[in-house]
């Protein structure tokens, strides 16, 4: 049996997000639009990439938010499944 740990990270500015995990979920918890490479996340929308048992990815994902608007809140939550 392989042990793993969930990691929770919150972003509010554009980032290059390293995956370094087995699976990763992106949750747009803000009111602005999030762009992950070519994937668009509307507010309250999520997107997951799941690996099979013992798989691991080291991809870096480019993330940005919709153009600045003082009435919108940037908040992307990332949940990673990392093997110990």
N, C-alpha and C. Protein backbone atom coordinates (compact mmCIF):
# COMPACT_ATOMS: atom_id res chain seq x y z
N UNK A 1 0.84 -1.17 0.00
CA UNK A 1 0.00 0.00 0.00
C UNK A 1 0.90 1.25 0.00
N UNK A 2 0.55 2.22 -0.83
CA UNK A 2 1.32 3.46 -0.96
C UNK A 2 0.66 4.58 -0.17
N UNK A 3 1.42 5.25 0.70
CA UNK A 3 0.87 6.37 1.47
C UNK A 3 0.94 7.65 0.64
N UNK A 4 -0.04 8.54 0.85
CA UNK A 4 -0.04 9.83 0.18
C UNK A 4 -0.56 10.90 1.12
N UNK A 5 -0.36 12.14 0.72
CA UNK A 5 -0.82 13.27 1.51
C UNK A 5 -1.50 14.29 0.61
N UNK A 6 -2.64 14.83 1.01
CA UNK A 6 -3.24 15.92 0.22
C UNK A 6 -2.56 17.24 0.59
N UNK A 7 -2.34 18.07 -0.41
CA UNK A 7 -1.76 19.40 -0.20
C UNK A 7 -2.74 20.42 -0.75
N UNK A 8 -3.06 21.44 0.04
CA UNK A 8 -4.00 22.49 -0.34
C UNK A 8 -3.24 23.81 -0.47
N UNK A 9 -3.39 24.47 -1.63
CA UNK A 9 -2.71 25.74 -1.88
C UNK A 9 -3.72 26.71 -2.50
N UNK A 10 -3.65 27.97 -2.08
CA UNK A 10 -4.54 28.99 -2.62
C UNK A 10 -3.70 30.04 -3.35
N UNK A 11 -4.17 30.47 -4.53
CA UNK A 11 -3.48 31.48 -5.33
C UNK A 11 -4.42 32.64 -5.61
N UNK A 12 -3.87 33.87 -5.64
CA UNK A 12 -4.69 35.02 -6.01
C UNK A 12 -3.99 35.92 -7.03
N UNK A 13 -2.86 35.46 -7.56
CA UNK A 13 -2.16 36.16 -8.65
C UNK A 13 -1.73 35.13 -9.69
N UNK A 14 -1.43 35.58 -10.89
CA UNK A 14 -0.98 34.69 -11.95
C UNK A 14 0.28 33.94 -11.51
N UNK A 15 0.36 32.66 -11.84
CA UNK A 15 1.47 31.81 -11.40
C UNK A 15 1.81 30.76 -12.44
N UNK A 16 3.00 30.21 -12.32
CA UNK A 16 3.37 28.97 -12.98
C UNK A 16 3.24 27.91 -11.88
N UNK A 17 2.29 27.00 -12.01
CA UNK A 17 2.00 26.04 -10.94
C UNK A 17 2.68 24.71 -11.23
N UNK A 18 3.67 24.32 -10.42
CA UNK A 18 4.28 23.01 -10.59
C UNK A 18 3.34 21.92 -10.08
N UNK A 19 3.18 20.86 -10.84
CA UNK A 19 2.28 19.80 -10.39
C UNK A 19 2.97 18.90 -9.37
N UNK A 20 3.99 18.16 -9.78
CA UNK A 20 4.75 17.28 -8.88
C UNK A 20 3.82 16.43 -8.00
N UNK A 21 2.89 15.73 -8.64
CA UNK A 21 1.89 14.98 -7.87
C UNK A 21 1.27 13.88 -8.74
N UNK A 22 0.41 13.08 -8.11
CA UNK A 22 -0.32 12.02 -8.79
C UNK A 22 -1.61 12.55 -9.39
N UNK A 23 -2.31 13.40 -8.65
CA UNK A 23 -3.53 14.02 -9.16
C UNK A 23 -3.61 15.44 -8.64
N UNK A 24 -4.34 16.27 -9.39
CA UNK A 24 -4.45 17.67 -9.03
C UNK A 24 -5.85 18.17 -9.40
N UNK A 25 -6.42 18.98 -8.51
CA UNK A 25 -7.74 19.57 -8.74
C UNK A 25 -7.62 21.08 -8.58
N UNK A 26 -8.21 21.80 -9.53
CA UNK A 26 -8.24 23.26 -9.51
C UNK A 26 -9.68 23.69 -9.26
N UNK A 27 -9.89 24.54 -8.26
CA UNK A 27 -11.23 25.02 -7.91
C UNK A 27 -11.23 26.54 -7.97
N UNK A 28 -12.07 27.11 -8.80
CA UNK A 28 -12.19 28.55 -8.87
C UNK A 28 -13.16 28.99 -7.78
N UNK A 29 -12.61 29.43 -6.65
CA UNK A 29 -13.42 29.86 -5.51
C UNK A 29 -13.63 31.37 -5.49
N UNK A 30 -13.18 32.04 -6.53
CA UNK A 30 -13.34 33.49 -6.62
C UNK A 30 -14.48 33.88 -7.54
N UNK A 31 -14.52 35.15 -7.88
CA UNK A 31 -15.56 35.66 -8.77
C UNK A 31 -15.01 36.02 -10.15
N UNK A 32 -13.69 35.97 -10.32
CA UNK A 32 -13.10 36.23 -11.64
C UNK A 32 -12.93 34.91 -12.39
N UNK A 33 -12.62 34.98 -13.66
CA UNK A 33 -12.40 33.79 -14.49
C UNK A 33 -10.94 33.38 -14.36
N UNK A 34 -10.69 32.06 -14.29
CA UNK A 34 -9.34 31.51 -14.21
C UNK A 34 -9.02 30.82 -15.53
N UNK A 35 -7.80 31.03 -16.02
CA UNK A 35 -7.32 30.37 -17.24
C UNK A 35 -6.15 29.47 -16.87
N UNK A 36 -6.30 28.17 -17.12
CA UNK A 36 -5.24 27.18 -16.91
C UNK A 36 -4.83 26.68 -18.29
N UNK A 37 -3.69 27.17 -18.79
CA UNK A 37 -3.29 26.85 -20.16
C UNK A 37 -4.47 27.21 -21.08
N UNK A 38 -5.14 26.20 -21.70
CA UNK A 38 -6.27 26.45 -22.59
C UNK A 38 -7.62 26.10 -21.96
N UNK A 39 -7.64 25.87 -20.66
CA UNK A 39 -8.87 25.53 -19.94
C UNK A 39 -9.37 26.77 -19.20
N UNK A 40 -10.65 27.08 -19.36
CA UNK A 40 -11.26 28.23 -18.70
C UNK A 40 -12.15 27.74 -17.57
N UNK A 41 -11.95 28.31 -16.37
CA UNK A 41 -12.79 27.97 -15.22
C UNK A 41 -13.61 29.18 -14.82
N UNK A 42 -14.91 29.04 -14.89
CA UNK A 42 -15.83 30.07 -14.43
C UNK A 42 -15.88 30.02 -12.89
N UNK A 43 -16.39 31.04 -12.23
CA UNK A 43 -16.54 30.98 -10.77
C UNK A 43 -17.31 29.72 -10.34
N UNK A 44 -16.83 29.08 -9.28
CA UNK A 44 -17.39 27.84 -8.71
C UNK A 44 -17.21 26.62 -9.59
N UNK A 45 -16.40 26.69 -10.61
CA UNK A 45 -16.14 25.54 -11.48
C UNK A 45 -14.81 24.91 -11.08
N UNK A 46 -14.67 23.61 -11.33
CA UNK A 46 -13.42 22.92 -11.01
C UNK A 46 -12.97 22.06 -12.19
N UNK A 47 -11.69 21.66 -12.14
CA UNK A 47 -11.09 20.84 -13.19
C UNK A 47 -10.07 19.94 -12.51
N UNK A 48 -10.10 18.63 -12.83
CA UNK A 48 -9.19 17.67 -12.21
C UNK A 48 -8.40 16.90 -13.25
N UNK A 49 -7.17 16.57 -12.87
CA UNK A 49 -6.32 15.67 -13.66
C UNK A 49 -5.93 14.56 -12.71
N UNK A 50 -6.36 13.34 -13.00
CA UNK A 50 -6.10 12.20 -12.12
C UNK A 50 -5.13 11.23 -12.75
N UNK A 51 -4.18 10.75 -11.95
CA UNK A 51 -3.24 9.74 -12.40
C UNK A 51 -3.63 8.37 -11.90
N UNK A 52 -3.11 7.35 -12.53
CA UNK A 52 -3.32 5.99 -12.06
C UNK A 52 -2.40 5.71 -10.88
N UNK A 53 -2.60 4.58 -10.24
CA UNK A 53 -1.82 4.19 -9.07
C UNK A 53 -0.32 4.28 -9.37
N UNK A 54 0.40 4.97 -8.53
CA UNK A 54 1.86 5.16 -8.58
C UNK A 54 2.35 6.00 -9.76
N UNK A 55 1.46 6.65 -10.51
CA UNK A 55 1.90 7.58 -11.55
C UNK A 55 2.21 8.93 -10.91
N UNK A 56 3.02 9.73 -11.60
CA UNK A 56 3.49 11.00 -11.08
C UNK A 56 3.74 11.94 -12.25
N UNK A 57 3.33 13.18 -12.15
CA UNK A 57 3.59 14.15 -13.21
C UNK A 57 4.40 15.31 -12.66
N UNK A 58 5.26 15.87 -13.51
CA UNK A 58 6.09 17.01 -13.11
C UNK A 58 5.83 18.22 -14.01
N UNK A 59 4.68 18.25 -14.66
CA UNK A 59 4.33 19.35 -15.56
C UNK A 59 4.15 20.65 -14.80
N UNK A 60 4.45 21.78 -15.46
CA UNK A 60 4.18 23.10 -14.91
C UNK A 60 3.01 23.69 -15.68
N UNK A 61 1.99 24.15 -14.97
CA UNK A 61 0.78 24.67 -15.60
C UNK A 61 0.72 26.18 -15.42
N UNK A 62 0.53 26.87 -16.54
CA UNK A 62 0.42 28.32 -16.52
C UNK A 62 -1.00 28.71 -16.13
N UNK A 63 -1.12 29.60 -15.12
CA UNK A 63 -2.43 30.03 -14.64
C UNK A 63 -2.47 31.55 -14.60
N UNK A 64 -3.61 32.10 -15.03
CA UNK A 64 -3.83 33.54 -14.92
C UNK A 64 -5.31 33.79 -14.66
N UNK A 65 -5.63 34.98 -14.23
CA UNK A 65 -7.00 35.39 -13.97
C UNK A 65 -7.46 36.34 -15.06
N UNK A 66 -8.79 36.55 -15.15
CA UNK A 66 -9.34 37.51 -16.11
C UNK A 66 -8.75 38.89 -15.83
N UNK A 67 -8.80 39.78 -16.81
CA UNK A 67 -8.23 41.11 -16.59
C UNK A 67 -8.74 41.75 -15.30
N UNK A 68 -7.89 42.56 -14.70
CA UNK A 68 -8.18 43.17 -13.40
C UNK A 68 -9.50 43.94 -13.40
N UNK A 69 -10.28 43.67 -12.38
CA UNK A 69 -11.53 44.38 -12.14
C UNK A 69 -11.66 44.47 -10.62
N UNK A 70 -11.71 45.68 -10.05
CA UNK A 70 -11.75 45.81 -8.58
C UNK A 70 -12.98 45.16 -7.94
N UNK A 71 -14.01 44.88 -8.73
CA UNK A 71 -15.21 44.24 -8.18
C UNK A 71 -15.12 42.72 -8.15
N UNK A 72 -14.05 42.14 -8.74
CA UNK A 72 -13.89 40.68 -8.79
C UNK A 72 -12.80 40.22 -7.84
N UNK A 73 -12.97 39.00 -7.33
CA UNK A 73 -12.00 38.42 -6.40
C UNK A 73 -11.29 37.25 -7.07
N UNK A 74 -9.95 37.26 -7.04
CA UNK A 74 -9.15 36.16 -7.56
C UNK A 74 -8.93 35.15 -6.44
N UNK A 75 -9.32 33.89 -6.66
CA UNK A 75 -9.07 32.85 -5.66
C UNK A 75 -9.14 31.49 -6.33
N UNK A 76 -7.98 30.91 -6.58
CA UNK A 76 -7.90 29.55 -7.12
C UNK A 76 -7.36 28.65 -6.04
N UNK A 77 -8.10 27.59 -5.72
CA UNK A 77 -7.65 26.59 -4.75
C UNK A 77 -7.15 25.39 -5.53
N UNK A 78 -5.96 24.92 -5.17
CA UNK A 78 -5.35 23.75 -5.81
C UNK A 78 -5.19 22.66 -4.76
N UNK A 79 -5.67 21.47 -5.08
CA UNK A 79 -5.53 20.31 -4.20
C UNK A 79 -4.71 19.27 -4.94
N UNK A 80 -3.57 18.87 -4.33
CA UNK A 80 -2.68 17.88 -4.96
C UNK A 80 -2.65 16.61 -4.11
N UNK A 81 -2.56 15.47 -4.79
CA UNK A 81 -2.35 14.19 -4.12
C UNK A 81 -0.89 13.82 -4.35
N UNK A 82 -0.11 13.84 -3.26
CA UNK A 82 1.33 13.60 -3.34
C UNK A 82 1.68 12.33 -2.57
N UNK A 83 2.40 11.42 -3.22
CA UNK A 83 2.85 10.20 -2.54
C UNK A 83 3.98 10.53 -1.59
N UNK A 84 3.98 9.87 -0.43
CA UNK A 84 5.04 10.09 0.58
C UNK A 84 6.18 9.13 0.36
